[in-house]
Amino acid sequence: MISAIVTATIFLVVMGLIFSAILLFAEKKILNYGQCEISINGGEKSLTIKGGGFLLSGLLENEIYIPSACGGRGSCAYCKVKVHSGGGPLSPVEEPYLSPEERKNNVRLSCQVKIRGAMAIEIPKELFSIKRHKCRLVHKKSLTHDIDELRIELLSPSTIAYKAGQYVQLESNEYGKQEKVIRAYSLSSVPTDTHFVELVVRHVPNGICSTWVFDVLKEGDELFVAGPYGEFGLSDTNAPAIFIAGGSGMAPFWGMLRHMKESGAQRQVTYFFGATTQRDLFYIDELKALEKELPNFRFVPCLSAEPQDSGWDGERGLVTEVAARTIPELANHEAYLCGSPGMIDACIKTLTERGLPKEKIFFDKF
């Protein structure tokens, strides 16, 4: 009986997938939506785009660079825009990423909205100034067994203006059987270095873009980045700050701290960096040097699985645990977090339990 139910379920799923594929093929090959007018921000800008494709792709083709880090699969939720008319019903892919308030305000994932006719949309004005830069990789350095540092020269346009903490979108090239993809990476460089950007890239197993960076991309190669994007960065207050990161979450803080040094900032900052073992640590000497150059800065690396007999005399345990026991009173602090969703959620729980108001916690999930 159970076997028959399982077989029937599998059959229905397969038939559903086949039916969906047939519909997509028919829409692409048979239906002709013609040229569709897209009105942006109440007519501030208007585009004519061939119907049948997705809104995100149509905007990118017209040099409006909506953020997207998942290659249009609807899993990053970066590409939100307001679609006031012409967007059709919500797709099942969109539903988990939209709050009731967002749905009420016509927010959609542009990578899931098909262009089938005239549309009226709204996007943040700052996205009009986003540029796609033709670049050259001038330096590639291995920081750990799975993290590389990239220094990229901007060729055209040759300069970029951004705030420490923002990110760019890196385009991979086609390689092997892999198509071109776009992924988001935090800027680790300082804003005064206007002709270059630096990135810290972790090799994700089977990751299309990071595998391209590690195995294909070479010094001297041309590539493209678009940006800057994002609002992550230090506030204008003088409140004591806690930085918490792990792995490539180092990137925005490496840029922020060097920018603080350049600007002569006196703000109190304690930076907790979590890693598994010593082989996962990087920029350690540079950050220790910054402790001497920034009078109110303290760097606290902590390892969660370092062997007891390794000679490591630094902090041990999860980065959240080390932060909690090191700074028990947090009510007057601000916290800045960068890392995986799981790490950030754990940090928020720990920090709020120790008196840090949630509105004073800023984060960048990846």
Protein backbone atom coordinates (compact mmCIF):
# COMPACT_ATOMS: atom_id res chain seq x y z
CA MET A 1 0.00 0.00 0.00
CA ILE A 2 2.74 2.45 1.01
CA SER A 3 4.71 1.54 -2.10
CA ALA A 4 1.70 2.29 -4.30
CA ILE A 5 1.23 5.71 -2.63
CA VAL A 6 4.90 6.57 -3.10
CA THR A 7 4.77 5.49 -6.74
CA ALA A 8 1.65 7.56 -7.36
CA THR A 9 3.20 10.59 -5.66
CA ILE A 10 6.37 10.33 -7.74
CA PHE A 11 4.25 9.97 -10.89
CA LEU A 12 2.25 13.09 -10.09
CA VAL A 13 5.40 15.09 -9.34
CA VAL A 14 7.05 13.97 -12.60
CA MET A 15 3.92 14.73 -14.60
CA GLY A 16 3.71 18.16 -12.96
CA LEU A 17 7.29 18.91 -13.92
CA ILE A 18 6.71 17.73 -17.49
CA PHE A 19 3.55 19.85 -17.74
CA SER A 20 5.40 22.91 -16.39
CA ALA A 21 8.21 22.36 -18.89
CA ILE A 22 5.69 22.11 -21.75
CA LEU A 23 4.03 25.35 -20.65
CA LEU A 24 7.37 27.16 -20.45
CA PHE A 25 8.37 25.86 -23.88
CA ALA A 26 5.02 26.87 -25.36
CA GLU A 27 5.23 30.33 -23.84
CA LYS A 28 8.74 30.84 -25.16
CA LYS A 29 8.23 29.41 -28.65
CA ILE A 30 4.56 30.05 -29.42
CA LEU A 31 3.28 33.06 -27.48
CA ASN A 32 4.38 36.45 -28.71
CA TYR A 33 3.90 39.28 -26.25
CA GLY A 34 5.51 41.82 -28.55
CA GLN A 35 7.19 44.97 -27.27
CA CYS A 36 6.09 45.92 -23.75
CA GLU A 37 6.26 49.35 -22.15
CA ILE A 38 7.79 49.46 -18.67
CA SER A 39 7.09 52.69 -16.75
CA ILE A 40 9.54 53.25 -13.89
CA ASN A 41 8.94 55.48 -10.85
CA GLY A 42 5.79 57.13 -12.13
CA GLY A 43 7.14 57.76 -15.60
CA GLU A 44 10.54 59.10 -14.54
CA LYS A 45 12.00 56.56 -16.94
CA SER A 46 10.36 54.40 -19.58
CA LEU A 47 11.66 51.29 -21.35
CA THR A 48 10.43 49.20 -24.25
CA ILE A 49 11.30 45.55 -23.64
CA LYS A 50 10.46 42.46 -25.65
CA GLY A 51 7.89 40.43 -23.74
CA GLY A 52 8.31 36.86 -22.58
CA GLY A 53 11.39 37.29 -20.42
CA PHE A 54 11.81 38.07 -16.74
CA LEU A 55 11.76 41.62 -15.43
CA LEU A 56 15.21 41.34 -13.83
CA SER A 57 16.83 40.31 -17.13
CA GLY A 58 15.01 43.02 -19.05
CA LEU A 59 16.20 45.71 -16.67
CA LEU A 60 19.79 44.42 -16.74
CA GLU A 61 19.76 44.46 -20.54
CA ASN A 62 18.83 48.14 -20.31
CA GLU A 63 21.67 48.92 -17.89
CA ILE A 64 19.51 49.11 -14.78
CA TYR A 65 21.45 46.87 -12.44
CA ILE A 66 19.03 45.46 -9.89
CA PRO A 67 20.98 43.50 -7.23
CA SER A 68 20.86 39.73 -7.59
CA ALA A 69 23.15 37.11 -6.13
CA CYS A 70 21.51 33.81 -7.04
CA GLY A 71 21.46 33.95 -10.83
CA GLY A 72 17.69 34.51 -11.03
CA ARG A 73 16.68 31.39 -9.11
CA GLY A 74 14.68 33.35 -6.53
CA SER A 75 16.76 32.22 -3.56
CA CYS A 76 18.58 35.39 -2.50
CA ALA A 77 15.63 37.85 -2.48
CA TYR A 78 17.98 40.74 -3.33
CA CYS A 79 16.09 41.74 -6.48
CA LYS A 80 12.96 43.15 -4.87
CA VAL A 81 11.13 45.93 -6.71
CA LYS A 82 7.60 47.29 -6.49
CA VAL A 83 5.34 46.18 -9.32
CA HIS A 84 2.24 48.39 -9.24
CA SER A 85 0.61 46.91 -12.34
CA GLY A 86 1.19 44.24 -14.95
CA GLY A 87 3.11 41.79 -12.77
CA GLY A 88 0.57 39.01 -12.61
CA PRO A 89 0.01 36.80 -9.55
CA LEU A 90 2.69 35.90 -7.02
CA SER A 91 4.64 32.78 -7.89
CA PRO A 92 5.21 30.05 -5.28
CA VAL A 93 8.93 30.87 -5.42
CA GLU A 94 8.30 34.45 -4.26
CA GLU A 95 5.90 33.76 -1.41
CA PRO A 96 8.42 32.73 1.30
CA TYR A 97 10.50 35.87 0.74
CA LEU A 98 7.76 38.49 1.00
CA SER A 99 6.30 39.72 4.28
CA PRO A 100 2.60 40.65 4.53
CA GLU A 101 3.64 44.31 4.52
CA GLU A 102 5.72 43.83 1.37
CA ARG A 103 2.88 42.07 -0.40
CA LYS A 104 0.55 44.91 0.57
CA ASN A 105 3.03 47.36 -0.99
CA ASN A 106 3.32 45.40 -4.27
CA VAL A 107 6.89 44.20 -3.64
CA ARG A 108 7.98 41.39 -5.94
CA LEU A 109 11.09 39.42 -6.84
CA SER A 110 11.99 40.82 -10.24
CA CYS A 111 13.68 37.56 -11.26
CA GLN A 112 10.31 35.78 -11.00
CA VAL A 113 8.06 38.38 -12.67
CA LYS A 114 7.40 37.67 -16.36
CA ILE A 115 7.00 40.58 -18.79
CA ARG A 116 3.72 39.87 -20.58
CA GLY A 117 2.46 43.40 -21.21
CA ALA A 118 2.69 47.00 -20.03
CA MET A 119 3.99 47.35 -16.48
CA ALA A 120 4.41 50.09 -13.89
CA ILE A 121 7.25 49.48 -11.44
CA GLU A 122 9.13 51.36 -8.75
CA ILE A 123 12.82 50.97 -7.90
CA PRO A 124 15.18 52.89 -5.57
CA LYS A 125 16.56 55.94 -7.36
CA GLU A 126 20.13 55.09 -6.38
CA LEU A 127 20.02 52.04 -8.68
CA PHE A 128 20.02 54.38 -11.68
CA SER A 129 23.60 55.32 -10.81
CA ILE A 130 24.89 51.74 -10.59
CA LYS A 131 27.56 51.07 -13.21
CA ARG A 132 28.82 47.89 -14.83
CA HIS A 133 32.62 48.13 -14.93
CA LYS A 134 34.92 46.42 -17.38
CA CYS A 135 37.91 45.37 -15.27
CA ARG A 136 41.21 43.51 -15.18
CA LEU A 137 42.41 41.18 -12.43
CA VAL A 138 45.80 42.53 -11.37
CA HIS A 139 46.43 40.39 -8.28
CA LYS A 140 45.16 37.09 -6.93
CA LYS A 141 46.41 35.82 -3.59
CA SER A 142 45.57 32.73 -1.56
CA LEU A 143 44.69 33.72 2.01
CA THR A 144 43.70 30.26 3.29
CA HIS A 145 43.03 26.84 1.80
CA ASP A 146 39.60 28.04 0.62
CA ILE A 147 39.76 31.85 0.52
CA ASP A 148 41.35 34.04 -2.16
CA GLU A 149 41.95 37.79 -2.27
CA LEU A 150 41.32 39.58 -5.58
CA ARG A 151 42.55 43.04 -6.53
CA ILE A 152 40.69 44.29 -9.57
CA GLU A 153 41.53 47.33 -11.68
CA LEU A 154 38.58 49.28 -13.07
CA LEU A 155 38.99 50.00 -16.78
CA SER A 156 35.69 51.43 -18.02
CA PRO A 157 34.28 53.28 -16.14
CA SER A 158 37.64 53.63 -14.44
CA THR A 159 36.48 54.86 -11.01
CA ILE A 160 33.90 53.87 -8.42
CA ALA A 161 32.49 55.71 -5.40
CA TYR A 162 31.25 53.67 -2.46
CA LYS A 163 31.04 53.46 1.32
CA ALA A 164 33.02 50.92 3.33
CA GLY A 165 30.70 47.95 3.87
CA GLN A 166 28.96 47.97 0.49
CA TYR A 167 29.23 45.19 -2.10
CA VAL A 168 29.56 44.63 -5.84
CA GLN A 169 28.25 41.93 -8.13
CA LEU A 170 30.92 39.84 -9.84
CA GLU A 171 30.17 38.20 -13.18
CA SER A 172 31.80 34.88 -13.95
CA ASN A 173 32.56 33.89 -17.53
CA GLU A 174 31.33 30.70 -19.15
CA TYR A 175 33.66 27.77 -18.50
CA GLY A 176 33.30 24.07 -19.17
CA LYS A 177 29.56 23.41 -19.19
CA GLN A 178 28.85 26.25 -16.76
CA GLU A 179 26.98 29.34 -17.90
CA LYS A 180 27.77 32.88 -16.80
CA VAL A 181 26.44 33.75 -13.34
CA ILE A 182 26.40 36.81 -11.09
CA ARG A 183 27.25 36.71 -7.40
CA ALA A 184 27.49 39.38 -4.69
CA TYR A 185 30.76 39.99 -2.81
CA SER A 186 31.50 42.57 -0.12
CA LEU A 187 34.15 45.14 -0.90
CA SER A 188 37.23 44.67 1.26
CA SER A 189 39.04 47.69 -0.20
CA VAL A 190 38.95 51.28 1.06
CA PRO A 191 36.79 53.93 -0.66
CA THR A 192 39.77 56.20 -1.35
CA ASP A 193 41.22 53.53 -3.69
CA THR A 194 38.86 54.68 -6.42
CA HIS A 195 40.48 52.92 -9.41
CA PHE A 196 40.49 49.46 -7.82
CA VAL A 197 38.22 47.13 -5.85
CA GLU A 198 39.29 44.24 -3.65
CA LEU A 199 37.25 41.16 -2.82
CA VAL A 200 37.64 38.23 -0.42
CA VAL A 201 36.15 35.13 -2.06
CA ARG A 202 35.53 31.80 -0.33
CA HIS A 203 35.50 28.68 -2.49
CA VAL A 204 32.03 27.21 -2.10
CA PRO A 205 32.00 23.50 -3.04
CA ASN A 206 30.32 23.23 -6.47
CA GLY A 207 29.80 26.99 -6.49
CA ILE A 208 29.80 28.15 -10.10
CA CYS A 209 31.26 31.62 -9.51
CA SER A 210 33.72 30.77 -6.73
CA THR A 211 35.01 27.75 -8.67
CA TRP A 212 35.58 30.05 -11.63
CA VAL A 213 37.53 32.42 -9.37
CA PHE A 214 39.70 29.63 -7.95
CA ASP A 215 40.21 27.39 -10.96
CA VAL A 216 39.81 29.56 -14.05
CA LEU A 217 40.38 33.26 -13.35
CA LYS A 218 44.00 34.36 -13.79
CA GLU A 219 45.93 37.58 -13.26
CA GLY A 220 45.58 39.70 -16.38
CA ASP A 221 42.12 38.36 -17.28
CA GLU A 222 39.30 40.78 -18.04
CA LEU A 223 36.08 40.56 -16.05
CA PHE A 224 33.03 42.62 -15.08
CA VAL A 225 31.70 43.94 -11.79
CA ALA A 226 28.63 46.10 -11.12
CA GLY A 227 27.98 48.29 -8.13
CA PRO A 228 28.11 49.56 -5.53
CA TYR A 229 25.13 48.07 -3.70
CA GLY A 230 23.92 47.80 -0.13
CA GLU A 231 23.50 49.86 3.00
CA PHE A 232 25.76 47.92 5.37
CA GLY A 233 28.32 50.18 7.04
CA LEU A 234 29.20 52.08 10.19
CA SER A 235 26.63 54.52 11.58
CA ASP A 236 27.52 58.14 12.26
CA THR A 237 27.33 57.69 16.04
CA ASN A 238 30.24 57.30 18.44
CA ALA A 239 28.72 54.31 20.23
CA PRO A 240 31.16 51.49 21.05
CA ALA A 241 30.94 48.93 18.26
CA ILE A 242 31.19 45.16 18.15
CA PHE A 243 32.17 43.49 14.89
CA ILE A 244 31.46 39.76 14.51
CA ALA A 245 32.38 37.76 11.42
CA GLY A 246 33.60 34.40 10.21
CA GLY A 247 35.36 33.30 7.02
CA SER A 248 34.89 35.65 4.08
CA GLY A 249 32.64 37.76 6.33
CA MET A 250 35.97 39.43 7.08
CA ALA A 251 35.70 41.45 3.84
CA PRO A 252 33.59 44.49 4.82
CA PHE A 253 35.32 44.84 8.20
CA TRP A 254 38.77 44.77 6.60
CA GLY A 255 37.65 47.71 4.48
CA MET A 256 35.93 49.53 7.36
CA LEU A 257 38.89 49.27 9.72
CA ARG A 258 41.41 50.51 7.18
CA HIS A 259 39.06 53.36 6.32
CA MET A 260 38.87 54.21 10.03
CA LYS A 261 42.66 54.33 10.12
CA GLU A 262 42.80 56.64 7.09
CA SER A 263 40.18 58.99 8.54
CA GLY A 264 41.68 59.08 12.04
CA ALA A 265 38.56 57.63 13.67
CA GLN A 266 38.67 57.28 17.45
CA ARG A 267 35.64 55.04 17.86
CA GLN A 268 35.90 52.03 20.18
CA VAL A 269 35.67 48.78 18.21
CA THR A 270 36.07 45.18 19.34
CA TYR A 271 36.26 42.71 16.45
CA PHE A 272 35.48 39.05 17.12
CA PHE A 273 36.50 36.81 14.23
CA GLY A 274 35.42 33.18 14.36
CA ALA A 275 37.20 30.31 12.62
CA THR A 276 37.40 26.55 12.96
CA THR A 277 41.18 26.08 13.28
CA GLN A 278 44.32 28.15 12.78
CA ARG A 279 44.47 27.26 9.08
CA ASP A 280 41.23 29.24 8.64
CA LEU A 281 42.70 32.49 10.00
CA PHE A 282 43.99 35.30 7.77
CA TYR A 283 44.97 38.98 8.01
CA ILE A 284 46.00 38.20 11.59
CA ASP A 285 49.31 40.08 11.52
CA GLU A 286 47.70 43.01 9.72
CA LEU A 287 44.88 43.25 12.26
CA LYS A 288 47.28 43.02 15.18
CA ALA A 289 49.21 45.90 13.60
CA LEU A 290 45.98 47.89 13.38
CA GLU A 291 45.55 47.48 17.13
CA LYS A 292 48.65 49.67 17.52
CA GLU A 293 47.49 52.20 14.92
CA LEU A 294 43.87 52.50 16.09
CA PRO A 295 44.04 53.30 19.83
CA ASN A 296 40.50 52.06 20.61
CA PHE A 297 40.54 48.92 18.48
CA ARG A 298 40.82 45.35 19.77
CA PHE A 299 40.97 42.21 17.63
CA VAL A 300 39.81 38.89 19.14
CA PRO A 301 40.24 35.79 16.93
CA CYS A 302 38.55 32.68 18.32
CA LEU A 303 38.68 29.05 17.22
CA SER A 304 35.86 26.54 17.66
CA ALA A 305 37.69 23.26 16.93
CA GLU A 306 41.41 23.86 17.36
CA PRO A 307 43.24 20.81 18.83
CA GLN A 308 44.15 21.29 22.48
CA ASP A 309 47.82 20.49 21.94
CA SER A 310 48.33 22.90 19.02
CA GLY A 311 49.90 25.68 21.03
CA TRP A 312 47.01 28.10 20.38
CA ASP A 313 46.75 30.45 23.35
CA GLY A 314 43.90 32.60 22.05
CA GLU A 315 40.16 32.38 22.63
CA ARG A 316 38.34 29.10 22.07
CA GLY A 317 34.66 28.43 21.38
CA LEU A 318 31.98 29.75 19.09
CA VAL A 319 32.38 33.39 18.19
CA THR A 320 29.02 34.23 19.79
CA GLU A 321 30.07 32.64 23.08
CA VAL A 322 33.38 34.48 23.13
CA ALA A 323 31.71 37.82 22.41
CA ALA A 324 29.12 37.28 25.14
CA ARG A 325 31.63 36.45 27.87
CA THR A 326 34.09 39.14 26.78
CA ILE A 327 31.65 42.05 26.76
CA PRO A 328 28.86 41.18 29.23
CA GLU A 329 27.25 44.64 29.24
CA LEU A 330 26.06 45.64 25.78
CA ALA A 331 23.21 48.13 26.27
CA ASN A 332 25.20 51.11 24.98
CA HIS A 333 26.88 49.30 22.08
CA GLU A 334 26.14 48.80 18.40
CA ALA A 335 26.82 45.48 16.70
CA TYR A 336 27.82 44.78 13.10
CA LEU A 337 27.61 41.20 11.85
CA CYS A 338 28.68 39.57 8.60
CA GLY A 339 28.40 35.88 7.80
CA SER A 340 25.99 33.03 7.21
CA PRO A 341 22.31 33.33 8.19
CA GLY A 342 22.79 30.75 10.96
CA MET A 343 25.71 32.63 12.51
CA ILE A 344 23.93 35.96 12.33
CA ASP A 345 20.72 34.60 13.85
CA ALA A 346 22.72 33.07 16.72
CA CYS A 347 24.55 36.37 17.25
CA ILE A 348 21.34 38.38 17.35
CA LYS A 349 19.88 36.01 19.95
CA THR A 350 22.98 36.18 22.14
CA LEU A 351 23.40 39.94 21.86
CA THR A 352 19.77 40.80 22.58
CA GLU A 353 19.74 38.47 25.58
CA ARG A 354 22.59 40.56 26.98
CA GLY A 355 20.80 43.86 26.62
CA LEU A 356 21.68 45.07 23.12
CA PRO A 357 18.58 46.55 21.47
CA LYS A 358 17.73 44.82 18.20
CA GLU A 359 17.56 48.13 16.34
CA LYS A 360 21.27 48.63 17.14
CA ILE A 361 22.27 45.40 15.40
CA PHE A 362 23.26 45.74 11.75
CA PHE A 363 24.11 42.77 9.57
CA ASP A 364 25.01 41.49 6.13
CA LYS A 365 23.89 37.89 5.49
CA PHE A 366 25.33 35.80 2.67
